[in-house]
PDB file of all heavy atoms in Angstrom:
ATOM      1  N   ASP A   1       0.808  -1.224   0.000  1.00  0.00           N
ATOM      2  CA  ASP A   1       0.000   0.000   0.000  1.00  0.00           C
ATOM      3  C   ASP A   1       0.839   1.271   0.000  1.00  0.00           C
ATOM      4  O   ASP A   1       0.492   2.254  -0.646  1.00  0.00           O
ATOM      5  CB  ASP A   1      -0.952   0.001   1.193  1.00  0.00           C
ATOM      6  CG  ASP A   1      -2.208  -0.833   0.915  1.00  0.00           C
ATOM      7  OD1 ASP A   1      -2.317  -1.351  -0.205  1.00  0.00           O
ATOM      8  OD2 ASP A   1      -3.038  -0.971   1.821  1.00  0.00           O
ATOM      9  N   GLY A   2       1.947   1.260   0.694  1.00  0.00           N
ATOM     10  CA  GLY A   2       2.783   2.458   0.736  1.00  0.00           C
ATOM     11  C   GLY A   2       3.470   2.758  -0.579  1.00  0.00           C
ATOM     12  O   GLY A   2       3.800   3.905  -0.875  1.00  0.00           O
ATOM     13  N   SER A   3       3.672   1.721  -1.407  1.00  0.00           N
ATOM     14  CA  SER A   3       4.386   1.895  -2.674  1.00  0.00           C
ATOM     15  C   SER A   3       3.469   2.286  -3.818  1.00  0.00           C
ATOM     16  O   SER A   3       3.932   2.697  -4.880  1.00  0.00           O
ATOM     17  CB  SER A   3       5.094   0.585  -3.042  1.00  0.00           C
ATOM     18  OG  SER A   3       4.147  -0.438  -3.305  1.00  0.00           O
ATOM     19  N   GLY A   4       2.176   2.115  -3.619  1.00  0.00           N
ATOM     20  CA  GLY A   4       1.236   2.407  -4.696  1.00  0.00           C
ATOM     21  C   GLY A   4       1.112   1.287  -5.710  1.00  0.00           C
ATOM     22  O   GLY A   4       0.409   1.422  -6.711  1.00  0.00           O
ATOM     23  N   ALA A   5       1.797   0.152  -5.475  1.00  0.00           N
ATOM     24  CA  ALA A   5       1.717  -0.978  -6.398  1.00  0.00           C
ATOM     25  C   ALA A   5       0.322  -1.601  -6.335  1.00  0.00           C
ATOM     26  O   ALA A   5      -0.249  -1.751  -5.256  1.00  0.00           O
ATOM     27  CB  ALA A   5       2.770  -2.023  -6.045  1.00  0.00           C
ATOM     28  N   PRO A   6      -0.246  -1.960  -7.465  1.00  0.00           N
ATOM     29  CA  PRO A   6      -1.613  -2.507  -7.481  1.00  0.00           C
ATOM     30  C   PRO A   6      -1.654  -3.946  -6.987  1.00  0.00           C
ATOM     31  O   PRO A   6      -0.708  -4.710  -7.171  1.00  0.00           O
ATOM     32  CB  PRO A   6      -1.991  -2.424  -8.961  1.00  0.00           C
ATOM     33  CG  PRO A   6      -0.690  -2.584  -9.681  1.00  0.00           C
ATOM     34  CD  PRO A   6       0.336  -1.890  -8.818  1.00  0.00           C
ATOM     35  N   TRP A   7      -2.756  -4.322  -6.359  1.00  0.00           N
ATOM     36  CA  TRP A   7      -2.974  -5.709  -5.969  1.00  0.00           C
ATOM     37  C   TRP A   7      -4.468  -5.931  -5.765  1.00  0.00           C
ATOM     38  O   TRP A   7      -5.237  -4.986  -5.671  1.00  0.00           O
ATOM     39  CB  TRP A   7      -2.208  -6.073  -4.698  1.00  0.00           C
ATOM     40  CG  TRP A   7      -2.582  -5.270  -3.475  1.00  0.00           C
ATOM     41  CD1 TRP A   7      -2.085  -4.045  -3.123  1.00  0.00           C
ATOM     42  CD2 TRP A   7      -3.523  -5.624  -2.450  1.00  0.00           C
ATOM     43  NE1 TRP A   7      -2.653  -3.606  -1.953  1.00  0.00           N
ATOM     44  CE2 TRP A   7      -3.533  -4.558  -1.505  1.00  0.00           C
ATOM     45  CE3 TRP A   7      -4.343  -6.720  -2.229  1.00  0.00           C
ATOM     46  CZ2 TRP A   7      -4.338  -4.578  -0.367  1.00  0.00           C
ATOM     47  CZ3 TRP A   7      -5.151  -6.742  -1.097  1.00  0.00           C
ATOM     48  CH2 TRP A   7      -5.136  -5.680  -0.177  1.00  0.00           C
ATOM     49  N   GLY A   8      -4.852  -7.186  -5.737  1.00  0.00           N
ATOM     50  CA  GLY A   8      -6.259  -7.512  -5.534  1.00  0.00           C
ATOM     51  C   GLY A   8      -6.414  -8.892  -4.946  1.00  0.00           C
ATOM     52  O   GLY A   8      -5.428  -9.574  -4.646  1.00  0.00           O
ATOM     53  N   CYS A   9      -7.646  -9.322  -4.757  1.00  0.00           N
ATOM     54  CA  CYS A   9      -7.967 -10.638  -4.195  1.00  0.00           C
ATOM     55  C   CYS A   9      -9.057 -11.297  -5.027  1.00  0.00           C
ATOM     56  O   CYS A   9      -9.803 -10.630  -5.737  1.00  0.00           O
ATOM     57  CB  CYS A   9      -8.438 -10.517  -2.746  1.00  0.00           C
ATOM     58  SG  CYS A   9      -7.164  -9.993  -1.565  1.00  0.00           S
ATOM     59  N   ASN A  10      -9.128 -12.597  -4.892  1.00  0.00           N
ATOM     60  CA  ASN A  10     -10.164 -13.360  -5.589  1.00  0.00           C
ATOM     61  C   ASN A  10     -11.433 -13.444  -4.752  1.00  0.00           C
ATOM     62  O   ASN A  10     -11.370 -13.525  -3.527  1.00  0.00           O
ATOM     63  CB  ASN A  10      -9.636 -14.773  -5.885  1.00  0.00           C
ATOM     64  CG  ASN A  10     -10.713 -15.696  -6.424  1.00  0.00           C
ATOM     65  OD1 ASN A  10     -11.270 -16.505  -5.703  1.00  0.00           O
ATOM     66  ND2 ASN A  10     -11.018 -15.549  -7.699  1.00  0.00           N
ATOM     67  N   LEU A  11     -12.566 -13.398  -5.417  1.00  0.00           N
ATOM     68  CA  LEU A  11     -13.849 -13.697  -4.778  1.00  0.00           C
ATOM     69  C   LEU A  11     -14.512 -14.779  -5.618  1.00  0.00           C
ATOM     70  O   LEU A  11     -14.937 -14.518  -6.743  1.00  0.00           O
ATOM     71  CB  LEU A  11     -14.750 -12.458  -4.697  1.00  0.00           C
ATOM     72  CG  LEU A  11     -16.131 -12.697  -4.075  1.00  0.00           C
ATOM     73  CD1 LEU A  11     -16.004 -13.147  -2.626  1.00  0.00           C
ATOM     74  CD2 LEU A  11     -16.997 -11.436  -4.154  1.00  0.00           C
ATOM     75  N   ILE A  12     -14.562 -15.986  -5.081  1.00  0.00           N
ATOM     76  CA  ILE A  12     -15.114 -17.100  -5.851  1.00  0.00           C
ATOM     77  C   ILE A  12     -16.567 -17.338  -5.457  1.00  0.00           C
ATOM     78  O   ILE A  12     -16.942 -17.200  -4.289  1.00  0.00           O
ATOM     79  CB  ILE A  12     -14.277 -18.387  -5.637  1.00  0.00           C
ATOM     80  CG1 ILE A  12     -14.654 -19.438  -6.690  1.00  0.00           C
ATOM     81  CG2 ILE A  12     -14.438 -18.935  -4.223  1.00  0.00           C
ATOM     82  CD1 ILE A  12     -13.661 -20.572  -6.804  1.00  0.00           C
ATOM     83  N   HIS A  13     -17.374 -17.637  -6.452  1.00  0.00           N
ATOM     84  CA  HIS A  13     -18.770 -17.970  -6.188  1.00  0.00           C
ATOM     85  C   HIS A  13     -18.819 -19.285  -5.411  1.00  0.00           C
ATOM     86  O   HIS A  13     -18.196 -20.275  -5.801  1.00  0.00           O
ATOM     87  CB  HIS A  13     -19.529 -18.116  -7.506  1.00  0.00           C
ATOM     88  CG  HIS A  13     -20.945 -18.537  -7.347  1.00  0.00           C
ATOM     89  ND1 HIS A  13     -21.791 -17.974  -6.411  1.00  0.00           N
ATOM     90  CD2 HIS A  13     -21.683 -19.486  -8.004  1.00  0.00           C
ATOM     91  CE1 HIS A  13     -22.982 -18.532  -6.494  1.00  0.00           C
ATOM     92  NE2 HIS A  13     -22.948 -19.457  -7.449  1.00  0.00           N
ATOM     93  N   SER A  14     -19.546 -19.295  -4.302  1.00  0.00           N
ATOM     94  CA  SER A  14     -19.598 -20.471  -3.432  1.00  0.00           C
ATOM     95  C   SER A  14     -21.050 -20.886  -3.208  1.00  0.00           C
ATOM     96  O   SER A  14     -21.648 -20.536  -2.181  1.00  0.00           O
ATOM     97  CB  SER A  14     -18.926 -20.173  -2.087  1.00  0.00           C
ATOM     98  OG  SER A  14     -17.596 -19.725  -2.276  1.00  0.00           O
ATOM     99  N   PRO A  15     -21.638 -21.601  -4.166  1.00  0.00           N
ATOM    100  CA  PRO A  15     -23.057 -21.958  -4.046  1.00  0.00           C
ATOM    101  C   PRO A  15     -23.364 -22.829  -2.835  1.00  0.00           C
ATOM    102  O   PRO A  15     -24.489 -22.808  -2.324  1.00  0.00           O
ATOM    103  CB  PRO A  15     -23.351 -22.693  -5.360  1.00  0.00           C
ATOM    104  CG  PRO A  15     -22.023 -23.157  -5.855  1.00  0.00           C
ATOM    105  CD  PRO A  15     -21.049 -22.118  -5.418  1.00  0.00           C
ATOM    106  N   GLN A  16     -22.375 -23.602  -2.356  1.00  0.00           N
ATOM    107  CA  GLN A  16     -22.595 -24.444  -1.185  1.00  0.00           C
ATOM    108  C   GLN A  16     -22.349 -23.684   0.117  1.00  0.00           C
ATOM    109  O   GLN A  16     -22.729 -24.160   1.196  1.00  0.00           O
ATOM    110  CB  GLN A  16     -21.672 -25.681  -1.245  1.00  0.00           C
ATOM    111  CG  GLN A  16     -21.780 -26.479  -2.531  1.00  0.00           C
ATOM    112  CD  GLN A  16     -23.186 -26.972  -2.809  1.00  0.00           C
ATOM    113  OE1 GLN A  16     -23.937 -27.263  -1.886  1.00  0.00           O
ATOM    114  NE2 GLN A  16     -23.547 -27.065  -4.086  1.00  0.00           N
ATOM    115  N   GLU A  17     -21.699 -22.510   0.022  1.00  0.00           N
ATOM    116  CA  GLU A  17     -21.397 -21.706   1.211  1.00  0.00           C
ATOM    117  C   GLU A  17     -21.682 -20.221   0.933  1.00  0.00           C
ATOM    118  O   GLU A  17     -20.767 -19.400   0.940  1.00  0.00           O
ATOM    119  CB  GLU A  17     -19.950 -21.882   1.625  1.00  0.00           C
ATOM    120  CG  GLU A  17     -19.547 -23.295   2.027  1.00  0.00           C
ATOM    121  CD  GLU A  17     -18.095 -23.367   2.441  1.00  0.00           C
ATOM    122  OE1 GLU A  17     -17.782 -23.062   3.604  1.00  0.00           O
ATOM    123  OE2 GLU A  17     -17.264 -23.730   1.586  1.00  0.00           O
ATOM    124  N   PRO A  18     -22.926 -19.875   0.690  1.00  0.00           N
ATOM    125  CA  PRO A  18     -23.232 -18.473   0.374  1.00  0.00           C
ATOM    126  C   PRO A  18     -22.871 -17.510   1.500  1.00  0.00           C
ATOM    127  O   PRO A  18     -22.508 -16.361   1.239  1.00  0.00           O
ATOM    128  CB  PRO A  18     -24.747 -18.496   0.110  1.00  0.00           C
ATOM    129  CG  PRO A  18     -25.242 -19.736   0.796  1.00  0.00           C
ATOM    130  CD  PRO A  18     -24.135 -20.726   0.688  1.00  0.00           C
ATOM    131  N   ALA A  19     -22.949 -17.976   2.747  1.00  0.00           N
ATOM    132  CA  ALA A  19     -22.597 -17.105   3.870  1.00  0.00           C
ATOM    133  C   ALA A  19     -21.116 -16.745   3.846  1.00  0.00           C
ATOM    134  O   ALA A  19     -20.736 -15.605   4.159  1.00  0.00           O
ATOM    135  CB  ALA A  19     -22.953 -17.780   5.195  1.00  0.00           C
ATOM    136  N   LEU A  20     -20.277 -17.707   3.459  1.00  0.00           N
ATOM    137  CA  LEU A  20     -18.843 -17.433   3.372  1.00  0.00           C
ATOM    138  C   LEU A  20     -18.548 -16.460   2.237  1.00  0.00           C
ATOM    139  O   LEU A  20     -17.731 -15.541   2.381  1.00  0.00           O
ATOM    140  CB  LEU A  20     -18.067 -18.733   3.159  1.00  0.00           C
ATOM    141  CG  LEU A  20     -16.553 -18.582   2.991  1.00  0.00           C
ATOM    142  CD1 LEU A  20     -15.922 -17.967   4.236  1.00  0.00           C
ATOM    143  CD2 LEU A  20     -15.902 -19.930   2.677  1.00  0.00           C
ATOM    144  N   GLU A  21     -19.210 -16.655   1.100  1.00  0.00           N
ATOM    145  CA  GLU A  21     -19.033 -15.733  -0.030  1.00  0.00           C
ATOM    146  C   GLU A  21     -19.377 -14.304   0.389  1.00  0.00           C
ATOM    147  O   GLU A  21     -18.648 -13.355   0.092  1.00  0.00           O
ATOM    148  CB  GLU A  21     -19.910 -16.165  -1.202  1.00  0.00           C
ATOM    149  CG  GLU A  21     -19.803 -15.271  -2.425  1.00  0.00           C
ATOM    150  CD  GLU A  21     -20.772 -15.674  -3.520  1.00  0.00           C
ATOM    151  OE1 GLU A  21     -20.933 -16.897  -3.758  1.00  0.00           O
ATOM    152  OE2 GLU A  21     -21.373 -14.777  -4.151  1.00  0.00           O
ATOM    153  N   GLN A  22     -20.494 -14.158   1.106  1.00  0.00           N
ATOM    154  CA  GLN A  22     -20.908 -12.842   1.575  1.00  0.00           C
ATOM    155  C   GLN A  22     -19.916 -12.280   2.590  1.00  0.00           C
ATOM    156  O   GLN A  22     -19.572 -11.087   2.554  1.00  0.00           O
ATOM    157  CB  GLN A  22     -22.295 -12.921   2.209  1.00  0.00           C
ATOM    158  CG  GLN A  22     -22.866 -11.570   2.641  1.00  0.00           C
ATOM    159  CD  GLN A  22     -23.076 -10.642   1.465  1.00  0.00           C
ATOM    160  OE1 GLN A  22     -23.901 -10.926   0.590  1.00  0.00           O
ATOM    161  NE2 GLN A  22     -22.342  -9.540   1.414  1.00  0.00           N
ATOM    162  N   ALA A  23     -19.431 -13.139   3.479  1.00  0.00           N
ATOM    163  CA  ALA A  23     -18.493 -12.685   4.509  1.00  0.00           C
ATOM    164  C   ALA A  23     -17.181 -12.215   3.899  1.00  0.00           C
ATOM    165  O   ALA A  23     -16.598 -11.214   4.346  1.00  0.00           O
ATOM    166  CB  ALA A  23     -18.243 -13.808   5.513  1.00  0.00           C
ATOM    167  N   VAL A  24     -16.713 -12.914   2.870  1.00  0.00           N
ATOM    168  CA  VAL A  24     -15.465 -12.498   2.208  1.00  0.00           C
ATOM    169  C   VAL A  24     -15.666 -11.158   1.501  1.00  0.00           C
ATOM    170  O   VAL A  24     -14.810 -10.269   1.579  1.00  0.00           O
ATOM    171  CB  VAL A  24     -15.001 -13.583   1.211  1.00  0.00           C
ATOM    172  CG1 VAL A  24     -13.812 -13.079   0.392  1.00  0.00           C
ATOM    173  CG2 VAL A  24     -14.612 -14.859   1.958  1.00  0.00           C
ATOM    174  N   ALA A  25     -16.803 -10.989   0.825  1.00  0.00           N
ATOM    175  CA  ALA A  25     -17.096  -9.708   0.167  1.00  0.00           C
ATOM    176  C   ALA A  25     -17.167  -8.583   1.196  1.00  0.00           C
ATOM    177  O   ALA A  25     -16.632  -7.485   0.972  1.00  0.00           O
ATOM    178  CB  ALA A  25     -18.406  -9.807  -0.612  1.00  0.00           C
ATOM    179  N   ASP A  26     -17.827  -8.835   2.327  1.00  0.00           N
ATOM    180  CA  ASP A  26     -17.910  -7.829   3.390  1.00  0.00           C
ATOM    181  C   ASP A  26     -16.521  -7.477   3.911  1.00  0.00           C
ATOM    182  O   ASP A  26     -16.224  -6.314   4.209  1.00  0.00           O
ATOM    183  CB  ASP A  26     -18.780  -8.343   4.545  1.00  0.00           C
ATOM    184  CG  ASP A  26     -20.249  -8.460   4.162  1.00  0.00           C
ATOM    185  OD1 ASP A  26     -20.645  -7.888   3.126  1.00  0.00           O
ATOM    186  OD2 ASP A  26     -20.998  -9.136   4.901  1.00  0.00           O
ATOM    187  N   LEU A  27     -15.674  -8.501   4.050  1.00  0.00           N
ATOM    188  CA  LEU A  27     -14.303  -8.274   4.521  1.00  0.00           C
ATOM    189  C   LEU A  27     -13.542  -7.378   3.552  1.00  0.00           C
ATOM    190  O   LEU A  27     -12.833  -6.446   3.976  1.00  0.00           O
ATOM    191  CB  LEU A  27     -13.577  -9.617   4.668  1.00  0.00           C
ATOM    192  CG  LEU A  27     -12.099  -9.544   5.072  1.00  0.00           C
ATOM    193  CD1 LEU A  27     -11.948  -8.994   6.489  1.00  0.00           C
ATOM    194  CD2 LEU A  27     -11.457 -10.940   4.966  1.00  0.00           C
ATOM    195  N   TYR A  28     -13.694  -7.636   2.250  1.00  0.00           N
ATOM    196  CA  TYR A  28     -12.998  -6.818   1.255  1.00  0.00           C
ATOM    197  C   TYR A  28     -13.446  -5.358   1.326  1.00  0.00           C
ATOM    198  O   TYR A  28     -12.633  -4.435   1.207  1.00  0.00           O
ATOM    199  CB  TYR A  28     -13.252  -7.369  -0.148  1.00  0.00           C
ATOM    200  CG  TYR A  28     -12.578  -8.701  -0.429  1.00  0.00           C
ATOM    201  CD1 TYR A  28     -12.982  -9.484  -1.508  1.00  0.00           C
ATOM    202  CD2 TYR A  28     -11.547  -9.170   0.368  1.00  0.00           C
ATOM    203  CE1 TYR A  28     -12.379 -10.697  -1.780  1.00  0.00           C
ATOM    204  CE2 TYR A  28     -10.933 -10.385   0.103  1.00  0.00           C
ATOM    205  CZ  TYR A  28     -11.355 -11.146  -0.968  1.00  0.00           C
ATOM    206  OH  TYR A  28     -10.751 -12.346  -1.242  1.00  0.00           O
ATOM    207  N   ILE A  29     -14.735  -5.150   1.518  1.00  0.00           N
ATOM    208  CA  ILE A  29     -15.248  -3.774   1.612  1.00  0.00           C
ATOM    209  C   ILE A  29     -14.705  -3.102   2.867  1.00  0.00           C
ATOM    210  O   ILE A  29     -14.227  -1.964   2.823  1.00  0.00           O
ATOM    211  CB  ILE A  29     -16.789  -3.783   1.613  1.00  0.00           C
ATOM    212  CG1 ILE A  29     -17.318  -4.266   0.253  1.00  0.00           C
ATOM    213  CG2 ILE A  29     -17.338  -2.389   1.926  1.00  0.00           C
ATOM    214  CD1 ILE A  29     -18.811  -4.517   0.233  1.00  0.00           C
ATOM    215  N   ALA A  30     -14.767  -3.804   3.988  1.00  0.00           N
ATOM    216  CA  ALA A  30     -14.323  -3.232   5.260  1.00  0.00           C
ATOM    217  C   ALA A  30     -12.826  -2.941   5.257  1.00  0.00           C
ATOM    218  O   ALA A  30     -12.385  -1.939   5.849  1.00  0.00           O
ATOM    219  CB  ALA A  30     -14.666  -4.181   6.403  1.00  0.00           C
ATOM    220  N   ARG A  31     -12.043  -3.787   4.568  1.00  0.00           N
ATOM    221  CA  ARG A  31     -10.585  -3.624   4.589  1.00  0.00           C
ATOM    222  C   ARG A  31     -10.062  -2.803   3.420  1.00  0.00           C
ATOM    223  O   ARG A  31      -8.851  -2.630   3.286  1.00  0.00           O
ATOM    224  CB  ARG A  31      -9.922  -5.008   4.583  1.00  0.00           C
ATOM    225  CG  ARG A  31     -10.270  -5.878   5.804  1.00  0.00           C
ATOM    226  CD  ARG A  31      -9.740  -5.280   7.103  1.00  0.00           C
ATOM    227  NE  ARG A  31      -8.320  -5.077   7.012  1.00  0.00           N
ATOM    228  CZ  ARG A  31      -7.408  -6.028   7.222  1.00  0.00           C
ATOM    229  NH1 ARG A  31      -7.809  -7.250   7.564  1.00  0.00           N
ATOM    230  NH2 ARG A  31      -6.130  -5.763   7.128  1.00  0.00           N
ATOM    231  N   GLY A  32     -10.923  -2.313   2.576  1.00  0.00           N
ATOM    232  CA  GLY A  32     -10.487  -1.465   1.475  1.00  0.00           C
ATOM    233  C   GLY A  32      -9.753  -2.191   0.367  1.00  0.00           C
ATOM    234  O   GLY A  32      -8.867  -1.614  -0.277  1.00  0.00           O
ATOM    235  N   VAL A  33     -10.120  -3.445   0.113  1.00  0.00           N
ATOM    236  CA  VAL A  33      -9.558  -4.169  -1.033  1.00  0.00           C
ATOM    237  C   VAL A  33     -10.249  -3.635  -2.285  1.00  0.00           C
ATOM    238  O   VAL A  33     -11.446  -3.860  -2.480  1.00  0.00           O
ATOM    239  CB  VAL A  33      -9.774  -5.692  -0.887  1.00  0.00           C
ATOM    240  CG1 VAL A  33      -9.252  -6.425  -2.119  1.00  0.00           C
ATOM    241  CG2 VAL A  33      -9.085  -6.197   0.374  1.00  0.00           C
TER     242      VAL A  33
END
């Protein structure tokens, strides 16, 4: 983050674990990914 270099994370569709998919998306929003 200090260098300005770009990065990202994967968000995979999880039909068997929709709560986990939602939790990961919420985490990305909260952490500024």
